[in-house]
Amino acid sequence: MLAVIYRAFVYPHRDEEYRQHWKTVVDYFVTHCGAIGSTLHQTAEGEYIAYSR
């Protein structure tokens, strides 16, 4: 199994937009590339951390 970790800083007023786009990307990779899924977390400092399998 391959796991990938992503880090991103997002402008505070764009949080919801980022989460929506992240879901679109994850859905694509699950449907077309055999990915198992992804989990998205946000730190107290506002950084997004995600891991995909």
Protein backbone atom coordinates (compact mmCIF):
# COMPACT_ATOMS: atom_id res chain seq x y z
CA MET A 1 0.00 0.00 0.00
CA LEU A 2 1.14 3.51 -0.78
CA ALA A 3 0.25 6.43 1.51
CA VAL A 4 0.71 10.09 0.63
CA ILE A 5 0.72 12.99 3.09
CA TYR A 6 -0.26 16.48 1.97
CA ARG A 7 0.18 19.81 3.77
CA ALA A 8 -1.55 23.02 2.78
CA PHE A 9 -2.08 26.51 4.11
CA VAL A 10 -5.40 28.04 3.07
CA TYR A 11 -6.66 31.58 3.51
CA PRO A 12 -9.21 31.50 6.36
CA HIS A 13 -12.07 32.79 4.19
CA ARG A 14 -11.42 29.98 1.67
CA ASP A 15 -11.65 27.01 4.06
CA GLU A 16 -15.00 25.72 2.87
CA GLU A 17 -14.00 26.07 -0.78
CA TYR A 18 -10.80 24.11 -0.11
CA ARG A 19 -12.67 21.28 1.61
CA GLN A 20 -15.15 21.04 -1.29
CA HIS A 21 -12.36 20.88 -3.87
CA TRP A 22 -10.45 18.36 -1.78
CA LYS A 23 -13.50 16.08 -1.78
CA THR A 24 -13.77 16.40 -5.57
CA VAL A 25 -10.13 15.36 -5.99
CA VAL A 26 -10.48 12.43 -3.57
CA ASP A 27 -13.66 11.21 -5.28
CA TYR A 28 -11.87 11.27 -8.64
CA PHE A 29 -8.93 9.20 -7.39
CA VAL A 30 -11.22 6.69 -5.67
CA THR A 31 -13.38 6.29 -8.78
CA HIS A 32 -10.70 6.31 -11.49
CA CYS A 33 -7.38 5.36 -9.90
CA GLY A 34 -8.15 2.74 -7.24
CA ALA A 35 -7.44 4.92 -4.22
CA ILE A 36 -8.94 3.76 -0.94
CA GLY A 37 -9.75 7.24 0.35
CA SER A 38 -8.35 10.23 2.19
CA THR A 39 -8.64 11.90 5.56
CA LEU A 40 -8.40 15.68 5.94
CA HIS A 41 -7.46 17.37 9.23
CA GLN A 42 -7.03 21.01 10.19
CA THR A 43 -4.55 22.05 12.88
CA ALA A 44 -5.20 24.75 15.47
CA GLU A 45 -2.89 27.00 13.42
CA GLY A 46 -5.07 26.58 10.32
CA GLU A 47 -2.81 24.23 8.38
CA TYR A 48 -4.49 21.34 6.56
CA ILE A 49 -2.93 17.89 6.78
CA ALA A 50 -4.31 15.05 4.69
CA TYR A 51 -3.28 11.50 4.06
CA SER A 52 -4.42 9.41 1.16
CA ARG A 53 -4.24 5.68 0.62
